[in-house]
């Protein structure tokens, strides 16, 4: 029997396709090629998925005058078919991502627009994360999405409007008949907390939390903010959150940078723009995408903030 990694609920996927067509998202936008790369030197058993999707790179990354998330909410209020679900995630609209890596890639966007627009949470104020975390995880578990979040300075291109990325990387796992990245890695228990884990073969500072321990996640982000937040020009610690089958990966960034990597890359998904880049991408290439953005394990001990 062929093993399947697809987790996305079929009914929500069909709604996604209809909404994507209404939004004018072409089918080519979510066509992709993928491969798994490993450390040929044998120094690490951590592997990456490399994905070719040229369309993904057409999205605007900076100098966005009008908030496209506000605009799409206004579209939804005119055409309710654009929204994938009304009842399961109060306070949010759920729509297809206009630049999806694979089919099903969506955004959960807070409903307010213009003067009522809700800014992204930061480590300066974690109340919004505390209010939204459980219902986001409950929603993704029900429909089969995985929730990823990029903070300001850690991959968020529209940080002035709170939103979560709802991913469907199971489609890629299914294409490859194999999982990779932090989903496939071996975990070890943290010495500071039994429910927190780390990946010995992943060279960058990170922690993996149980999805049922929101309070521990909030406490960790408060601690790291209090300890190193003042070292950043914007006074908050940029970080990414990535939900997997076995836990919630959190990775802090060394500095604020709007462009570049986000939660997808920290979880092991490296997206390429050209066929040549895709063909040449190896383990060192993948590591180079993260190096200089994430802390190495030698630079910071995150377990002391647990």
Protein backbone atom coordinates (compact mmCIF):
# COMPACT_ATOMS: atom_id res chain seq x y z
CA UNK A 1 0.00 0.00 0.00
CA UNK A 2 1.39 3.39 -1.00
CA UNK A 3 2.10 5.64 1.97
CA UNK A 4 0.37 9.03 1.90
CA UNK A 5 1.48 12.13 3.78
CA UNK A 6 -1.38 14.34 2.61
CA UNK A 7 -3.28 15.70 5.59
CA UNK A 8 -5.46 18.48 4.14
CA UNK A 9 -9.19 17.85 4.40
CA UNK A 10 -10.60 17.22 0.90
CA UNK A 11 -13.60 19.51 1.41
CA UNK A 12 -11.41 22.48 2.36
CA UNK A 13 -9.09 21.71 -0.57
CA UNK A 14 -11.98 21.89 -3.02
CA UNK A 15 -13.06 25.22 -1.51
CA UNK A 16 -9.45 26.37 -1.81
CA UNK A 17 -9.33 25.58 -5.53
CA UNK A 18 -12.61 27.41 -6.17
CA UNK A 19 -11.47 30.44 -4.18
CA UNK A 20 -8.07 30.45 -5.91
CA UNK A 21 -9.83 30.51 -9.29
CA UNK A 22 -12.01 33.42 -8.16
CA UNK A 23 -8.90 35.29 -7.03
CA UNK A 24 -7.26 34.76 -10.44
CA UNK A 25 -4.46 32.59 -9.05
CA UNK A 26 -3.25 30.55 -12.06
CA UNK A 27 -2.73 26.80 -11.75
CA UNK A 28 0.95 27.33 -12.60
CA UNK A 29 1.30 29.24 -9.32
CA UNK A 30 1.18 26.01 -7.32
CA UNK A 31 3.05 23.71 -9.67
CA UNK A 32 6.38 22.63 -8.20
CA UNK A 33 9.32 20.26 -8.36
CA UNK A 34 10.96 18.96 -5.21
CA UNK A 35 13.94 16.94 -4.06
CA UNK A 36 15.57 15.99 -0.77
CA UNK A 37 19.19 16.90 -0.11
CA UNK A 38 21.39 15.34 2.55
CA UNK A 39 24.84 16.03 3.93
CA UNK A 40 27.06 14.00 1.60
CA UNK A 41 29.99 14.57 3.98
CA UNK A 42 28.15 12.52 6.56
CA UNK A 43 28.59 15.05 9.35
CA UNK A 44 24.85 15.56 9.86
CA UNK A 45 21.80 13.38 9.28
CA UNK A 46 19.53 16.44 9.03
CA UNK A 47 18.06 16.80 5.54
CA UNK A 48 16.29 19.54 3.60
CA UNK A 49 13.57 19.67 1.00
CA UNK A 50 14.41 21.85 -2.01
CA UNK A 51 11.38 23.14 -3.91
CA UNK A 52 11.27 24.81 -7.32
CA UNK A 53 8.42 27.33 -7.65
CA UNK A 54 9.20 30.41 -9.72
CA UNK A 55 5.78 31.98 -9.18
CA UNK A 56 6.38 32.27 -5.45
CA UNK A 57 9.05 34.92 -6.12
CA UNK A 58 6.59 37.26 -7.86
CA UNK A 59 5.13 38.38 -4.53
CA UNK A 60 5.97 41.93 -3.35
CA UNK A 61 8.38 41.98 -0.43
CA UNK A 62 8.68 45.63 0.57
CA UNK A 63 7.38 49.15 0.01
CA UNK A 64 3.76 47.97 -0.06
CA UNK A 65 1.69 51.16 0.21
CA UNK A 66 -1.76 49.61 0.42
CA UNK A 67 -2.14 46.55 2.63
CA UNK A 68 -3.05 43.64 0.34
CA UNK A 69 -4.51 41.76 3.30
CA UNK A 70 -6.94 44.60 4.02
CA UNK A 71 -7.82 44.65 0.32
CA UNK A 72 -8.61 40.94 0.22
CA UNK A 73 -10.84 41.21 3.30
CA UNK A 74 -12.81 43.90 1.49
CA UNK A 75 -13.07 41.52 -1.50
CA UNK A 76 -14.37 38.74 0.76
CA UNK A 77 -17.09 40.98 2.15
CA UNK A 78 -18.31 41.47 -1.44
CA UNK A 79 -17.83 37.85 -2.51
CA UNK A 80 -18.11 35.50 0.47
CA UNK A 81 -17.04 32.52 -1.67
CA UNK A 82 -13.47 33.76 -1.31
CA UNK A 83 -13.45 32.78 2.38
CA UNK A 84 -12.68 29.09 3.05
CA UNK A 85 -14.34 28.88 6.45
CA UNK A 86 -16.49 31.23 8.53
CA UNK A 87 -17.30 29.35 11.68
CA UNK A 88 -14.18 27.48 12.83
CA UNK A 89 -11.74 30.36 13.31
CA UNK A 90 -13.51 33.39 14.84
CA UNK A 91 -11.74 36.70 14.30
CA UNK A 92 -10.02 35.51 11.12
CA UNK A 93 -10.73 35.13 7.42
CA UNK A 94 -9.08 32.13 5.72
CA UNK A 95 -8.07 32.58 2.09
CA UNK A 96 -5.71 31.03 -0.46
CA UNK A 97 -2.23 32.57 -0.42
CA UNK A 98 -1.87 34.57 -3.66
CA UNK A 99 1.61 33.13 -4.14
CA UNK A 100 1.23 29.52 -2.95
CA UNK A 101 4.12 27.07 -2.87
CA UNK A 102 1.70 24.16 -3.32
CA UNK A 103 -2.07 23.83 -3.59
CA UNK A 104 -3.81 24.47 -0.31
CA UNK A 105 -1.32 27.10 0.90
CA UNK A 106 -3.48 29.66 2.72
CA UNK A 107 -3.49 32.60 5.10
CA UNK A 108 -5.54 33.17 8.23
CA UNK A 109 -5.96 36.95 8.38
CA UNK A 110 -7.40 39.01 11.24
CA UNK A 111 -10.65 40.64 10.18
CA UNK A 112 -10.01 44.32 10.95
CA UNK A 113 -9.06 46.73 8.15
CA UNK A 114 -7.83 50.32 7.92
CA UNK A 115 -8.19 51.98 11.36
CA UNK A 116 -9.19 48.59 12.84
CA UNK A 117 -6.25 46.75 11.29
CA UNK A 118 -4.54 44.48 13.83
CA UNK A 119 -0.76 44.58 13.81
CA UNK A 120 1.32 41.45 14.25
CA UNK A 121 2.23 40.46 17.77
CA UNK A 122 5.85 40.92 18.82
CA UNK A 123 7.79 39.74 21.83
CA UNK A 124 7.08 43.20 23.32
CA UNK A 125 3.44 42.18 23.71
CA UNK A 126 2.40 38.53 23.53
CA UNK A 127 -1.28 38.91 24.44
CA UNK A 128 -2.43 38.47 20.82
CA UNK A 129 -0.42 35.28 20.47
CA UNK A 130 -1.82 34.01 23.75
CA UNK A 131 -5.38 34.76 22.58
CA UNK A 132 -4.97 33.23 19.11
CA UNK A 133 -2.61 30.30 19.51
CA UNK A 134 -4.99 27.59 20.73
CA UNK A 135 -7.70 28.36 18.20
CA UNK A 136 -5.20 28.48 15.32
CA UNK A 137 -3.79 25.07 16.30
CA UNK A 138 -7.29 23.65 16.77
CA UNK A 139 -8.26 24.90 13.30
CA UNK A 140 -5.18 23.47 11.59
CA UNK A 141 -5.56 20.12 13.32
CA UNK A 142 -9.19 19.88 12.23
CA UNK A 143 -8.61 20.70 8.55
CA UNK A 144 -5.10 19.23 8.19
CA UNK A 145 -3.14 22.46 7.72
CA UNK A 146 0.08 23.25 9.56
CA UNK A 147 0.41 26.75 11.04
CA UNK A 148 3.56 28.80 10.36
CA UNK A 149 4.16 32.35 11.61
CA UNK A 150 6.82 34.86 10.58
CA UNK A 151 7.29 37.80 12.91
CA UNK A 152 8.42 41.29 11.94
CA UNK A 153 12.06 40.98 10.95
CA UNK A 154 11.81 37.21 10.46
CA UNK A 155 10.32 36.78 7.01
CA UNK A 156 7.10 38.78 7.44
CA UNK A 157 6.57 41.00 4.38
CA UNK A 158 3.24 42.40 5.66
CA UNK A 159 3.98 42.71 9.37
CA UNK A 160 1.50 45.53 9.95
CA UNK A 161 -1.43 43.09 9.59
CA UNK A 162 -1.58 39.98 11.76
CA UNK A 163 -1.78 36.74 9.80
CA UNK A 164 -0.72 33.10 9.96
CA UNK A 165 0.46 30.94 7.08
CA UNK A 166 -1.53 27.73 6.78
CA UNK A 167 0.72 25.31 4.94
CA UNK A 168 0.19 22.07 3.05
CA UNK A 169 3.71 20.66 2.88
CA UNK A 170 2.16 17.19 3.13
CA UNK A 171 1.58 17.58 -0.61
CA UNK A 172 5.35 17.73 -1.13
CA UNK A 173 6.02 14.85 1.26
CA UNK A 174 3.50 12.84 -0.73
CA UNK A 175 5.19 13.74 -4.02
CA UNK A 176 8.55 12.58 -2.65
CA UNK A 177 7.14 9.65 -0.62
CA UNK A 178 9.35 10.87 2.21
CA UNK A 179 9.42 13.53 4.92
CA UNK A 180 12.38 15.82 5.60
CA UNK A 181 13.51 18.76 7.72
CA UNK A 182 12.40 19.08 11.31
CA UNK A 183 9.54 16.66 10.61
CA UNK A 184 11.89 13.74 9.97
CA UNK A 185 14.72 14.56 12.39
CA UNK A 186 15.53 12.73 15.60
CA UNK A 187 14.61 14.70 18.73
CA UNK A 188 16.13 14.63 22.20
CA UNK A 189 14.57 15.84 25.42
CA UNK A 190 15.75 19.17 26.79
CA UNK A 191 17.60 18.99 30.08
CA UNK A 192 15.58 22.00 31.29
CA UNK A 193 12.03 20.78 30.57
CA UNK A 194 10.78 17.27 29.88
CA UNK A 195 8.18 18.37 27.33
CA UNK A 196 10.62 20.49 25.27
CA UNK A 197 12.88 18.90 22.67
CA UNK A 198 15.76 19.76 20.36
CA UNK A 199 17.32 18.33 17.20
CA UNK A 200 20.99 17.41 17.77
CA UNK A 201 21.74 17.37 14.02
CA UNK A 202 20.30 20.85 13.36
CA UNK A 203 23.13 23.35 13.86
CA UNK A 204 21.00 26.41 14.67
CA UNK A 205 19.47 27.46 17.98
CA UNK A 206 15.88 26.25 18.31
CA UNK A 207 13.40 24.58 20.61
CA UNK A 208 10.45 22.27 19.91
CA UNK A 209 7.42 22.63 22.18
CA UNK A 210 4.33 20.55 22.71
CA UNK A 211 1.35 22.19 20.94
CA UNK A 212 -0.65 21.77 24.16
CA UNK A 213 1.75 23.92 26.18
CA UNK A 214 0.91 27.43 25.01
CA UNK A 215 1.81 28.92 28.39
CA UNK A 216 5.32 27.47 28.20
CA UNK A 217 5.75 28.96 24.70
CA UNK A 218 4.58 32.38 25.91
CA UNK A 219 6.86 32.18 28.94
CA UNK A 220 9.85 31.31 26.75
CA UNK A 221 9.20 34.23 24.39
CA UNK A 222 8.80 36.58 27.36
CA UNK A 223 12.08 35.39 28.85
CA UNK A 224 14.06 35.71 25.64
CA UNK A 225 12.59 39.16 25.06
CA UNK A 226 13.54 40.33 28.54
CA UNK A 227 17.08 38.97 28.17
CA UNK A 228 18.02 40.04 24.62
CA UNK A 229 15.18 42.16 23.20
CA UNK A 230 17.00 45.41 23.97
CA UNK A 231 19.87 44.31 21.72
CA UNK A 232 17.65 44.72 18.65
CA UNK A 233 17.05 48.13 17.08
CA UNK A 234 13.27 47.59 17.11
CA UNK A 235 13.29 46.27 20.66
CA UNK A 236 11.72 42.89 19.89
CA UNK A 237 13.16 39.47 19.11
CA UNK A 238 12.34 38.33 15.56
CA UNK A 239 11.40 34.66 15.44
CA UNK A 240 9.47 32.05 13.51
CA UNK A 241 6.94 29.46 14.61
CA UNK A 242 6.37 26.25 12.62
CA UNK A 243 3.83 23.58 13.50
CA UNK A 244 4.74 19.99 12.67
CA UNK A 245 3.29 16.56 13.32
CA UNK A 246 5.26 16.21 16.55
CA UNK A 247 5.64 19.71 17.91
CA UNK A 248 6.00 23.48 17.52
CA UNK A 249 9.41 24.66 16.28
CA UNK A 250 10.54 28.11 17.42
CA UNK A 251 13.68 29.75 16.03
CA UNK A 252 14.89 33.25 17.00
CA UNK A 253 16.76 35.38 14.47
CA UNK A 254 20.01 37.27 14.96
CA UNK A 255 18.66 40.49 13.45
CA UNK A 256 15.62 42.09 11.83
CA UNK A 257 15.42 41.57 8.08
CA UNK A 258 12.22 41.89 6.04
CA UNK A 259 13.48 39.95 3.04
CA UNK A 260 14.82 36.44 3.05
CA UNK A 261 13.98 33.37 5.04
CA UNK A 262 10.96 32.65 7.20
CA UNK A 263 9.32 29.76 9.02
CA UNK A 264 9.33 27.53 5.95
CA UNK A 265 13.11 27.62 5.65
CA UNK A 266 13.66 27.15 9.38
CA UNK A 267 11.52 24.00 9.17
CA UNK A 268 13.59 22.63 6.27
CA UNK A 269 11.75 23.84 3.15
CA UNK A 270 14.09 25.72 0.79
CA UNK A 271 12.35 27.32 -2.21
CA UNK A 272 14.27 28.05 -5.44
CA UNK A 273 13.48 30.51 -8.22
CA UNK A 274 15.28 28.95 -11.20
CA UNK A 275 15.83 25.48 -12.57
CA UNK A 276 19.60 25.94 -12.33
CA UNK A 277 19.39 27.00 -8.69
CA UNK A 278 17.19 23.99 -7.97
CA UNK A 279 19.53 21.58 -9.78
CA UNK A 280 22.64 22.89 -8.03
CA UNK A 281 21.13 23.17 -4.56
CA UNK A 282 22.92 20.89 -2.10
CA UNK A 283 23.22 20.61 1.68
CA UNK A 284 25.75 23.46 1.96
CA UNK A 285 23.46 25.69 -0.12
CA UNK A 286 20.58 25.02 2.27
CA UNK A 287 22.71 25.70 5.34
CA UNK A 288 23.91 28.95 3.77
CA UNK A 289 20.30 30.15 3.55
CA UNK A 290 20.02 29.96 7.33
CA UNK A 291 23.55 30.93 8.33
CA UNK A 292 23.85 34.54 9.44
CA UNK A 293 20.09 34.78 10.04
CA UNK A 294 19.65 32.19 12.79
CA UNK A 295 21.81 31.88 15.87
CA UNK A 296 24.17 28.95 15.98
CA UNK A 297 23.83 26.72 19.03
CA UNK A 298 27.20 28.02 20.23
CA UNK A 299 26.00 31.63 20.14
CA UNK A 300 22.97 31.25 22.39
CA UNK A 301 21.64 28.62 24.80
CA UNK A 302 17.87 28.81 24.46
CA UNK A 303 17.24 26.18 27.13
CA UNK A 304 18.19 28.65 29.86
CA UNK A 305 15.04 30.62 29.01
CA UNK A 306 12.69 27.70 29.75
